[in-house]
Every structure is written in structure tokens, then in C-alpha cells.
N, C-alpha and C. Protein backbone atom coordinates (compact mmCIF):
# COMPACT_ATOMS: atom_id res chain seq x y z
N MET A 1 -0.12 35.12 5.42
CA MET A 1 -1.05 34.28 5.77
C MET A 1 -1.64 34.35 7.30
N THR A 2 -2.88 34.81 7.48
CA THR A 2 -3.10 35.07 9.13
C THR A 2 -3.64 33.78 9.77
N ALA A 3 -3.61 33.52 11.22
CA ALA A 3 -4.29 32.41 11.90
C ALA A 3 -5.85 31.69 11.48
N SER A 4 -6.51 32.65 10.45
CA SER A 4 -7.86 32.20 10.60
C SER A 4 -7.97 31.69 8.98
N THR A 5 -6.81 31.64 8.19
CA THR A 5 -6.60 31.20 6.84
C THR A 5 -5.79 30.15 6.66
N VAL A 6 -5.39 29.56 7.36
CA VAL A 6 -3.98 28.84 7.95
C VAL A 6 -5.22 27.41 7.54
N ASN A 7 -4.90 26.55 6.77
CA ASN A 7 -5.66 25.14 7.19
C ASN A 7 -4.77 24.59 6.18
N TYR A 8 -5.05 22.52 5.58
CA TYR A 8 -4.09 22.23 4.94
C TYR A 8 -4.33 22.65 3.48
N THR A 9 -5.13 22.94 3.21
CA THR A 9 -5.07 23.51 1.59
C THR A 9 -4.32 25.20 1.68
N LYS A 10 -4.73 25.66 2.24
CA LYS A 10 -3.52 27.06 2.37
C LYS A 10 -2.38 26.39 2.44
N PHE A 11 -1.70 25.67 3.42
CA PHE A 11 -0.72 25.84 3.92
C PHE A 11 -0.03 24.81 2.33
N CYS A 12 -0.72 24.34 2.11
CA CYS A 12 -0.22 23.32 0.78
C CYS A 12 -0.01 24.29 -0.51
N GLU A 13 -0.87 25.29 -0.44
CA GLU A 13 -0.81 26.29 -1.11
C GLU A 13 0.71 26.99 -1.27
N PHE A 14 0.62 27.44 0.04
CA PHE A 14 1.91 28.33 -0.12
C PHE A 14 3.22 27.11 -0.18
N LEU A 15 3.73 26.20 0.11
CA LEU A 15 4.29 25.19 0.10
C LEU A 15 4.45 24.97 -1.16
N ALA A 16 3.52 24.95 -2.18
CA ALA A 16 4.14 24.88 -3.84
C ALA A 16 4.66 26.00 -4.21
N LEU A 17 4.51 27.03 -3.54
CA LEU A 17 4.85 28.77 -4.04
C LEU A 17 6.17 28.68 -3.49
N ALA A 18 6.53 28.23 -2.20
CA ALA A 18 8.07 28.07 -2.32
C ALA A 18 8.33 26.65 -1.40
N PRO A 19 8.36 25.76 -2.92
CA PRO A 19 9.08 24.23 -2.33
C PRO A 19 10.53 24.51 -1.46
N THR A 20 11.46 25.03 -1.50
CA THR A 20 12.60 24.87 -0.80
C THR A 20 12.09 25.05 1.06
N GLU A 21 10.91 25.64 1.04
CA GLU A 21 10.61 25.36 2.43
C GLU A 21 10.15 24.46 2.92
N LEU A 22 9.77 23.24 2.01
CA LEU A 22 9.02 22.11 2.83
C LEU A 22 10.09 21.42 3.64
N SER A 23 9.25 20.95 4.59
CA SER A 23 9.87 19.91 5.68
C SER A 23 8.97 18.96 6.01
N LEU A 24 8.99 17.91 5.84
CA LEU A 24 8.23 16.87 6.21
C LEU A 24 9.05 15.77 7.30
N LEU A 25 8.59 15.34 8.32
CA LEU A 25 9.42 14.38 9.17
C LEU A 25 9.48 12.86 8.45
N ARG A 26 9.98 12.51 8.52
CA ARG A 26 10.13 11.15 7.76
C ARG A 26 10.29 9.71 9.39
N PHE A 27 10.15 10.11 10.05
CA PHE A 27 9.96 9.02 11.19
C PHE A 27 10.84 7.99 11.19
N GLN A 28 11.89 8.48 10.87
CA GLN A 28 12.80 7.09 10.96
C GLN A 28 12.71 6.02 11.82
N GLU A 29 13.21 6.53 12.99
CA GLU A 29 13.32 5.75 14.21
C GLU A 29 11.79 5.22 14.48
N LEU A 30 10.65 5.35 14.07
CA LEU A 30 9.24 4.65 13.86
C LEU A 30 9.14 3.80 13.22
N ASN A 31 9.64 4.26 11.44
CA ASN A 31 9.58 3.41 10.55
C ASN A 31 10.95 2.17 11.05
N ILE A 32 11.73 1.93 11.02
CA ILE A 32 12.88 1.21 11.86
C ILE A 32 12.38 0.52 12.55
N ARG A 33 11.83 1.04 13.89
CA ARG A 33 11.20 0.03 14.97
C ARG A 33 10.00 -0.85 14.71
N ASN A 34 9.14 0.10 13.34
CA ASN A 34 8.26 -1.08 12.75
C ASN A 34 8.89 -2.11 12.10
N LEU A 35 10.02 -1.93 11.16
CA LEU A 35 10.26 -2.94 10.14
C LEU A 35 11.38 -4.11 11.17
N LEU A 36 11.33 -3.66 12.34
CA LEU A 36 11.99 -4.67 13.51
C LEU A 36 10.49 -5.70 14.29
N PHE A 37 9.53 -4.67 14.20
CA PHE A 37 8.53 -5.51 14.78
C PHE A 37 8.00 -6.42 13.85
N TYR A 38 8.08 -6.25 12.38
CA TYR A 38 7.37 -6.89 11.58
C TYR A 38 8.59 -8.26 11.18
N GLN A 39 9.92 -8.16 11.58
CA GLN A 39 10.67 -9.45 11.52
C GLN A 39 10.91 -9.72 12.64
N ALA A 40 10.20 -9.46 13.91
CA ALA A 40 10.29 -10.49 15.62
C ALA A 40 9.44 -11.24 15.26
N GLU A 41 7.91 -10.52 14.54
CA GLU A 41 6.81 -11.28 14.09
C GLU A 41 6.95 -12.38 13.06
N LEU A 42 7.66 -12.26 11.97
CA LEU A 42 8.26 -13.42 10.97
C LEU A 42 9.06 -14.68 11.70
N ILE A 43 9.90 -13.81 12.95
CA ILE A 43 10.63 -14.88 12.96
C ILE A 43 9.23 -16.07 13.87
N ASP A 44 8.79 -14.99 15.07
CA ASP A 44 7.94 -16.11 15.82
C ASP A 44 6.86 -17.20 14.99
N LEU A 45 6.53 -16.32 13.77
CA LEU A 45 5.54 -17.10 13.04
C LEU A 45 5.95 -18.22 12.35
N GLU A 46 7.77 -18.08 11.68
CA GLU A 46 8.15 -19.53 11.40
C GLU A 46 8.95 -20.51 12.32
N ARG A 47 8.97 -20.43 13.70
CA ARG A 47 8.93 -21.07 14.77
C ARG A 47 7.96 -21.54 15.00
N GLN A 48 6.50 -20.76 14.84
CA GLN A 48 5.46 -21.93 14.79
C GLN A 48 5.19 -22.62 14.07
N LEU A 49 5.39 -22.36 12.73
CA LEU A 49 5.50 -23.24 11.56
C LEU A 49 6.07 -24.48 11.72
N ARG A 50 7.53 -24.31 11.97
CA ARG A 50 8.65 -25.60 12.36
C ARG A 50 8.02 -26.31 13.61
N GLN A 51 7.46 -25.36 14.90
CA GLN A 51 6.49 -26.76 15.56
C GLN A 51 5.55 -27.42 14.77
N ILE A 52 4.68 -26.75 14.02
CA ILE A 52 3.58 -27.52 13.45
C ILE A 52 4.09 -28.85 12.52
N GLU A 53 5.42 -28.23 12.01
CA GLU A 53 6.10 -29.38 10.91
C GLU A 53 6.75 -30.39 11.64
N GLU A 54 7.03 -30.09 13.29
CA GLU A 54 7.85 -31.29 13.88
C GLU A 54 6.71 -32.18 14.60
N ILE A 55 5.41 -31.43 15.25
CA ILE A 55 4.66 -32.32 15.07
C ILE A 55 3.91 -33.52 14.04
N ASP A 56 3.93 -32.45 12.72
CA ASP A 56 3.78 -33.57 11.53
C ASP A 56 5.04 -34.67 11.62
N ALA A 57 5.82 -34.25 11.41
CA ALA A 57 6.69 -35.58 11.39
C ALA A 57 6.68 -36.71 12.37
N SER A 58 6.60 -35.84 13.65
CA SER A 58 6.47 -37.14 14.33
C SER A 58 4.94 -38.08 14.13
N LEU A 59 4.05 -37.36 13.76
CA LEU A 59 2.66 -38.27 13.32
C LEU A 59 2.67 -39.23 12.19
N TYR A 60 3.90 -38.80 11.21
CA TYR A 60 3.86 -39.16 10.18
C TYR A 60 5.06 -39.54 9.35
N PRO A 61 5.88 -40.63 10.00
CA PRO A 61 7.51 -40.68 9.42
C PRO A 61 7.64 -40.75 7.89
N ASP A 62 6.42 -41.51 7.09
CA ASP A 62 6.66 -41.71 6.18
C ASP A 62 6.30 -40.04 4.89
N LEU A 63 7.60 -39.47 4.82
CA LEU A 63 7.37 -38.36 4.06
C LEU A 63 6.35 -37.73 3.08
N GLU A 64 5.40 -39.11 2.31
CA GLU A 64 4.44 -38.36 1.17
C GLU A 64 3.06 -38.00 2.09
N LYS A 65 3.01 -38.70 3.60
CA LYS A 65 1.83 -38.31 4.04
C LYS A 65 1.75 -37.39 5.46
N ARG A 66 3.13 -36.54 4.83
CA ARG A 66 3.69 -35.36 5.52
C ARG A 66 2.69 -33.41 5.17
N VAL A 67 2.31 -32.99 5.50
CA VAL A 67 1.61 -31.73 5.06
C VAL A 67 2.37 -31.05 4.38
N ASN A 68 3.72 -31.01 4.32
CA ASN A 68 4.65 -30.35 3.47
C ASN A 68 5.41 -30.78 2.69
N TYR A 69 5.20 -32.15 2.12
CA TYR A 69 5.72 -33.12 1.34
C TYR A 69 5.53 -31.97 -0.07
N ARG A 70 4.61 -31.63 -0.52
CA ARG A 70 3.68 -31.18 -1.60
C ARG A 70 2.99 -29.83 -1.46
N TRP A 71 2.63 -29.10 -2.53
CA TRP A 71 1.83 -28.17 -2.43
C TRP A 71 0.31 -29.32 -3.47
N THR A 72 -0.80 -28.89 -2.50
CA THR A 72 -1.90 -29.82 -3.21
C THR A 72 -2.96 -28.72 -3.65
N GLU A 73 -4.15 -28.70 -4.32
CA GLU A 73 -5.40 -28.19 -4.37
C GLU A 73 -6.05 -27.89 -3.82
N GLN A 74 -5.87 -29.08 -2.77
CA GLN A 74 -6.96 -29.16 -1.70
C GLN A 74 -6.12 -27.74 -0.58
N MET A 75 -5.03 -27.30 -0.18
CA MET A 75 -4.53 -26.47 -0.01
C MET A 75 -5.29 -24.98 -0.57
N ALA A 76 -5.07 -24.98 -1.78
CA ALA A 76 -5.34 -23.63 -2.10
C ALA A 76 -6.80 -23.53 -2.27
N SER A 77 -7.95 -24.59 -1.87
CA SER A 77 -9.12 -24.38 -1.51
C SER A 77 -9.21 -24.45 -0.09
N LYS A 78 -8.68 -24.92 0.50
CA LYS A 78 -8.43 -24.60 2.03
C LYS A 78 -8.17 -23.16 2.43
N SER A 79 -7.51 -22.25 1.87
CA SER A 79 -6.44 -21.33 2.21
C SER A 79 -7.42 -20.10 1.67
N SER A 80 -8.24 -20.45 0.68
CA SER A 80 -9.32 -18.94 0.40
C SER A 80 -10.23 -18.78 1.86
N LEU A 81 -10.46 -19.96 2.75
CA LEU A 81 -11.73 -20.24 3.71
C LEU A 81 -11.20 -19.58 5.14
N ILE A 82 -10.01 -19.44 5.14
CA ILE A 82 -9.09 -19.11 6.41
C ILE A 82 -9.85 -17.44 6.77
N THR A 83 -10.04 -17.43 8.03
CA THR A 83 -10.20 -16.12 8.39
C THR A 83 -9.21 -16.02 9.63
N GLN A 84 -8.98 -16.89 10.73
CA GLN A 84 -8.58 -16.71 11.86
C GLN A 84 -7.26 -17.50 11.98
N PRO A 85 -6.54 -16.70 12.70
CA PRO A 85 -4.92 -17.67 12.87
C PRO A 85 -5.10 -18.86 13.30
N ALA A 86 -4.31 -20.12 13.00
CA ALA A 86 -4.82 -21.02 14.43
C ALA A 86 -3.78 -21.28 15.73
N ALA A 87 -3.96 -21.62 16.29
CA ALA A 87 -3.16 -21.83 17.65
C ALA A 87 -2.58 -22.94 17.15
N ILE A 88 -1.03 -22.50 17.84
CA ILE A 88 -0.10 -23.30 17.93
C ILE A 88 -0.10 -24.76 18.48
N PRO A 89 -0.47 -26.21 18.42
CA PRO A 89 -0.51 -26.83 18.82
C PRO A 89 0.35 -27.65 19.92
N SER A 90 -0.03 -27.58 21.24
CA SER A 90 1.28 -28.39 22.06
C SER A 90 0.61 -29.74 22.33
N SER A 91 1.72 -30.56 22.63
CA SER A 91 1.37 -31.77 22.94
C SER A 91 0.32 -32.28 23.81
N SER A 92 0.66 -31.43 25.02
CA SER A 92 -0.19 -31.49 26.15
C SER A 92 -1.58 -30.82 26.39
N THR A 93 -1.61 -29.81 25.07
CA THR A 93 -3.14 -29.53 25.31
C THR A 93 -4.09 -29.49 24.12
N ASN A 94 -3.33 -30.11 22.93
CA ASN A 94 -4.61 -29.91 21.80
C ASN A 94 -4.99 -31.45 21.60
N GLN A 95 -6.31 -31.44 21.81
CA GLN A 95 -7.21 -32.58 21.52
C GLN A 95 -7.70 -33.16 20.25
N ASN A 96 -6.99 -32.15 19.22
CA ASN A 96 -7.52 -32.38 17.82
C ASN A 96 -6.39 -33.12 17.27
N ILE A 97 -4.97 -33.00 17.46
CA ILE A 97 -3.96 -34.00 17.05
C ILE A 97 -3.99 -35.38 17.89
N PRO A 98 -3.87 -36.17 17.09
CA PRO A 98 -3.37 -37.35 17.41
C PRO A 98 -2.08 -37.81 18.22
N THR A 99 -2.12 -38.38 18.95
CA THR A 99 -0.61 -38.47 19.26
C THR A 99 0.57 -39.44 18.71
N GLN A 100 -0.22 -40.20 18.21
CA GLN A 100 0.58 -41.37 16.88
C GLN A 100 -0.46 -41.63 16.01
N ALA A 101 0.41 -42.13 14.58
CA ALA A 101 -0.60 -42.28 13.40
C ALA A 101 -0.50 -43.66 13.56
N ASN A 102 -1.19 -44.68 12.57
CA ASN A 102 -1.28 -45.35 12.04
C ASN A 102 -0.47 -45.59 11.04
N SER A 103 1.09 -45.94 11.27
CA SER A 103 1.89 -45.68 9.78
C SER A 103 1.25 -47.23 8.69
N ASN A 104 1.02 -47.88 8.79
CA ASN A 104 -0.09 -48.54 8.14
C ASN A 104 -1.10 -48.40 7.07
N SER A 105 -1.66 -47.07 7.57
CA SER A 105 -3.14 -46.55 7.33
C SER A 105 -2.98 -45.97 6.01
N THR A 106 -3.46 -45.63 4.98
CA THR A 106 -3.84 -44.80 4.24
C THR A 106 -3.77 -43.44 4.17
N THR A 107 -3.20 -42.99 5.08
CA THR A 107 -3.25 -41.56 5.60
C THR A 107 -3.09 -40.95 4.08
N SER A 108 -3.20 -39.48 4.12
CA SER A 108 -2.96 -38.76 3.19
C SER A 108 -2.73 -36.74 3.80
N VAL A 109 -1.94 -36.83 3.17
CA VAL A 109 -2.06 -34.93 3.38
C VAL A 109 -3.60 -34.31 3.43
N ALA A 110 -4.62 -34.93 2.54
CA ALA A 110 -6.19 -34.38 2.88
C ALA A 110 -6.68 -34.75 4.08
N ASN A 111 -6.47 -35.72 4.84
CA ASN A 111 -6.89 -36.48 5.89
C ASN A 111 -5.71 -36.30 7.26
N ASN A 112 -5.10 -35.46 6.75
CA ASN A 112 -3.89 -35.17 8.17
C ASN A 112 -4.72 -34.33 8.87
N PRO A 113 -4.45 -34.40 10.13
CA PRO A 113 -4.99 -33.42 10.94
C PRO A 113 -4.34 -32.28 11.50
N VAL A 114 -2.93 -32.07 10.78
CA VAL A 114 -1.89 -31.23 11.28
C VAL A 114 -2.00 -30.23 9.60
N THR A 115 -3.28 -30.39 8.74
CA THR A 115 -2.86 -29.91 7.78
C THR A 115 -3.58 -28.62 8.01
N ASP A 116 -5.27 -28.54 8.05
CA ASP A 116 -5.09 -26.97 8.71
C ASP A 116 -4.35 -25.97 9.23
N LEU A 117 -3.98 -26.40 10.74
CA LEU A 117 -3.09 -25.73 11.22
C LEU A 117 -1.83 -25.13 10.12
N TYR A 118 -1.04 -25.97 9.51
CA TYR A 118 -0.01 -25.79 8.44
C TYR A 118 -0.69 -24.85 7.78
N ILE A 119 -2.07 -24.87 7.37
CA ILE A 119 -2.35 -24.06 5.78
C ILE A 119 -2.58 -22.50 6.19
N GLU A 120 -3.19 -22.53 7.90
CA GLU A 120 -3.55 -21.11 8.61
C GLU A 120 -2.29 -20.61 8.79
N LYS A 121 -0.90 -21.48 9.35
CA LYS A 121 0.18 -20.46 9.26
C LYS A 121 0.56 -19.93 8.40
N ILE A 122 0.55 -20.77 7.41
CA ILE A 122 1.18 -20.38 6.03
C ILE A 122 0.89 -19.00 5.66
N MET A 123 -0.43 -18.92 5.42
CA MET A 123 -1.51 -17.87 5.23
C MET A 123 -1.21 -16.58 6.47
N GLN A 124 -0.92 -16.60 7.53
CA GLN A 124 -0.26 -15.55 8.34
C GLN A 124 0.73 -15.13 8.26
N ILE A 125 1.36 -16.28 7.79
CA ILE A 125 3.15 -15.75 7.35
C ILE A 125 3.28 -14.87 6.07
N ARG A 126 2.28 -15.19 4.85
CA ARG A 126 2.11 -14.95 3.59
C ARG A 126 1.25 -13.70 4.04
N THR A 127 0.53 -13.08 4.59
CA THR A 127 -0.55 -11.79 4.95
C THR A 127 1.17 -10.97 5.45
N THR A 128 2.04 -11.40 6.52
CA THR A 128 2.88 -10.27 7.50
C THR A 128 3.62 -10.31 6.62
N LEU A 129 4.46 -11.45 5.64
CA LEU A 129 5.10 -11.11 4.72
C LEU A 129 5.10 -9.91 3.60
N MET A 130 3.56 -9.91 3.23
CA MET A 130 3.62 -8.84 2.15
C MET A 130 3.52 -7.63 2.73
N ALA A 131 2.80 -7.33 3.49
CA ALA A 131 3.35 -5.90 4.81
C ALA A 131 4.73 -5.77 4.74
N TYR A 132 5.31 -6.46 5.48
CA TYR A 132 6.35 -6.48 5.78
C TYR A 132 7.45 -5.62 4.40
N SER A 133 7.15 -6.57 3.26
CA SER A 133 7.69 -6.33 2.10
C SER A 133 7.31 -4.92 1.18
N LYS A 134 5.72 -4.09 1.55
CA LYS A 134 5.72 -3.52 1.21
C LYS A 134 6.15 -2.41 2.01
N GLN A 135 6.29 -2.33 3.27
CA GLN A 135 7.23 -1.36 3.89
C GLN A 135 8.72 -1.05 3.56
N ILE A 136 9.47 -1.74 3.60
CA ILE A 136 10.55 -1.74 3.06
C ILE A 136 10.91 -1.68 1.51
N ALA A 137 9.83 -1.63 0.49
CA ALA A 137 10.36 -2.01 -0.82
C ALA A 137 10.47 0.28 -1.13
């Protein structure tokens, strides 16, 4: 095999004739690092989800009014529309979330202001978990 005939096709043909000569890098350290990055990202996403749940709990003492009380069809329909991850609400900077909810109102998960943030975060977690799971399978 001369330098002028060496390309991936020729190299593969050569390796097919002598399979004991095959040596592919596994990039073990990079794969481990990548998995650790996925884990760090998932830990951060979990922290953000818990923050959203804490805000929701402070707004709605009644469990049935909280966004994580149960899965609803509204969540399924909204999840298909999500394209960008939500920002985590901050008690001092987020104007869209009320600082207190009227406990006597008929507020439900459907009009809970935290619902969109919660669903977006769940979708982000789902996407990252799927990618992570493919890597460890």
C-alpha cells in the first residue's frame, strides 16, 4: 500500500484482511468526562426544578393547586410547544410570578403561573436524561 492509495476505503480493506491489526481509540477518558458533564448538568437541572417547586409551594399551600400535584392533559399539550428552556424564577427579578396567591381563589394547575416554568424544566430534564442514558447504555 503506497501513500497515493491510502484513504479510508483502502485502509478499511486492509484491516478487513488482517483483523488482528485493528486498533481503534476508545477515548475512555473523554467518554468518562462527558458522562460527568451530563451528571453535573442533571444535578443542576434537578436543583432548578426543586427551586420552581419551592416557589410553587410558597404560592399555593393547598397541595391540589400545585403544579407537581398530578399530571394533567394540559401538561402534555404544553410540552409539545416547548422550544426554549425556561429561566429559573428569582424572587427579586421575576415579574411574572406573583409573590403570594389568594388561598381562597379557585386557582388550579391550569392557571398556576409556575406551570410553564415547571413543564419547560421537565422537558429539559427529559431531553438531557435521554442523551445521558444513550451514552451509558
